[in-house]
Amino acid sequence: MVNGIKFDCWGCGACCRAIACTFLDGNRCRIYAKRPDICRVGYSFDPEVMTAQQYLDLTRDVCKQLEELYPPKATVVDCRS
C-alpha cells in the first residue's frame, strides 16, 4: 500500500513493456519487492486531484489499455516432458 492506495496488480507486465524496463523477465519484474517508487501505483496519487476510488478506477482503465497495446509475452510450453 502506497499513499493509502492498494492496487492488486494482475502481473501482465504491460506497463513495464511500455517503457522497455530492463528488469522485466517475461511478464514479471525481477526486482518487484524492491522496485522504485515510480513503479508503485500509489506513488503519484494526490487526494487533492481525485478520490482514491477514482484513482484506482483510472489506473485499472489505463492497465487494460496498456495490456491491449503491449500484450503479455507468450509462455513457451515444452510438450515433450
Protein backbone atom coordinates (compact mmCIF):
# COMPACT_ATOMS: atom_id res chain seq x y z
CA MET A 1 0.00 0.00 0.00
CA VAL A 2 1.37 3.39 -1.02
CA ASN A 3 -0.29 6.70 -0.07
CA GLY A 4 -3.34 4.75 1.12
CA ILE A 5 -3.73 3.06 -2.27
CA LYS A 6 -3.75 -0.72 -2.56
CA PHE A 7 -3.78 -1.87 -6.16
CA ASP A 8 -3.99 -5.56 -6.97
CA CYS A 9 -1.73 -5.85 -9.99
CA TRP A 10 -2.57 -8.83 -12.19
CA GLY A 11 1.06 -9.10 -13.32
CA CYS A 12 0.65 -8.79 -17.08
CA GLY A 13 3.83 -6.68 -17.40
CA ALA A 14 2.27 -4.30 -19.93
CA CYS A 15 3.29 -1.15 -18.05
CA CYS A 16 6.88 -2.42 -17.90
CA ARG A 17 6.89 -3.37 -21.59
CA ALA A 18 5.54 0.10 -22.45
CA ILE A 19 8.70 1.69 -21.05
CA ALA A 20 11.04 -1.15 -22.10
CA CYS A 21 12.01 -1.83 -18.48
CA THR A 22 15.27 -3.76 -18.24
CA PHE A 23 14.09 -5.52 -15.07
CA LEU A 24 11.24 -7.29 -16.84
CA ASP A 25 11.77 -11.03 -17.19
CA GLY A 26 9.00 -12.47 -19.36
CA ASN A 27 5.95 -10.85 -17.79
CA ARG A 28 7.40 -10.46 -14.28
CA CYS A 29 9.56 -7.84 -12.61
CA ARG A 30 12.84 -9.25 -11.29
CA ILE A 31 13.02 -6.54 -8.60
CA TYR A 32 9.32 -6.26 -7.72
CA ALA A 33 9.83 -6.27 -3.93
CA LYS A 34 12.47 -3.52 -4.24
CA ARG A 35 11.11 -1.66 -7.28
CA PRO A 36 11.47 2.14 -7.38
CA ASP A 37 8.67 4.34 -6.05
CA ILE A 38 7.70 5.44 -9.57
CA CYS A 39 6.75 1.80 -10.29
CA ARG A 40 4.33 1.71 -7.36
CA VAL A 41 0.76 2.52 -8.33
CA GLY A 42 0.01 4.75 -5.34
CA TYR A 43 3.16 6.82 -5.72
CA SER A 44 1.56 9.52 -7.87
CA PHE A 45 -1.81 9.60 -6.06
CA ASP A 46 -2.82 13.11 -4.99
CA PRO A 47 -6.01 13.30 -2.88
CA GLU A 48 -6.42 16.95 -3.89
CA VAL A 49 -6.91 15.89 -7.52
CA MET A 50 -9.24 12.89 -7.16
CA THR A 51 -10.52 10.35 -4.68
CA ALA A 52 -8.70 7.08 -4.05
CA GLN A 53 -11.51 5.19 -5.79
CA GLN A 54 -11.30 7.45 -8.86
CA TYR A 55 -7.54 6.91 -8.94
CA LEU A 56 -7.91 3.13 -8.74
CA ASP A 57 -10.61 3.12 -11.44
CA LEU A 58 -8.43 5.26 -13.73
CA THR A 59 -5.41 3.04 -13.04
CA ARG A 60 -7.39 -0.11 -13.93
CA ASP A 61 -8.59 1.50 -17.16
CA VAL A 62 -5.06 2.50 -18.13
CA CYS A 63 -3.78 -1.00 -17.29
CA LYS A 64 -6.37 -2.55 -19.60
CA GLN A 65 -5.40 -0.15 -22.40
CA LEU A 66 -1.69 -0.89 -21.93
CA GLU A 67 -2.38 -4.61 -21.97
CA GLU A 68 -4.08 -4.22 -25.36
CA LEU A 69 -1.16 -2.18 -26.73
CA TYR A 70 1.54 -4.34 -25.14
CA PRO A 71 0.10 -7.87 -24.82
CA PRO A 72 1.81 -10.35 -22.47
CA LYS A 73 4.58 -12.39 -23.96
CA ALA A 74 3.50 -15.91 -24.74
CA THR A 75 4.83 -18.62 -22.48
CA VAL A 76 6.51 -21.45 -24.36
CA VAL A 77 5.48 -24.84 -23.06
CA ASP A 78 7.66 -27.86 -23.75
CA CYS A 79 5.20 -30.64 -24.62
CA ARG A 80 7.90 -33.30 -24.75
CA SER A 81 8.02 -33.77 -20.98
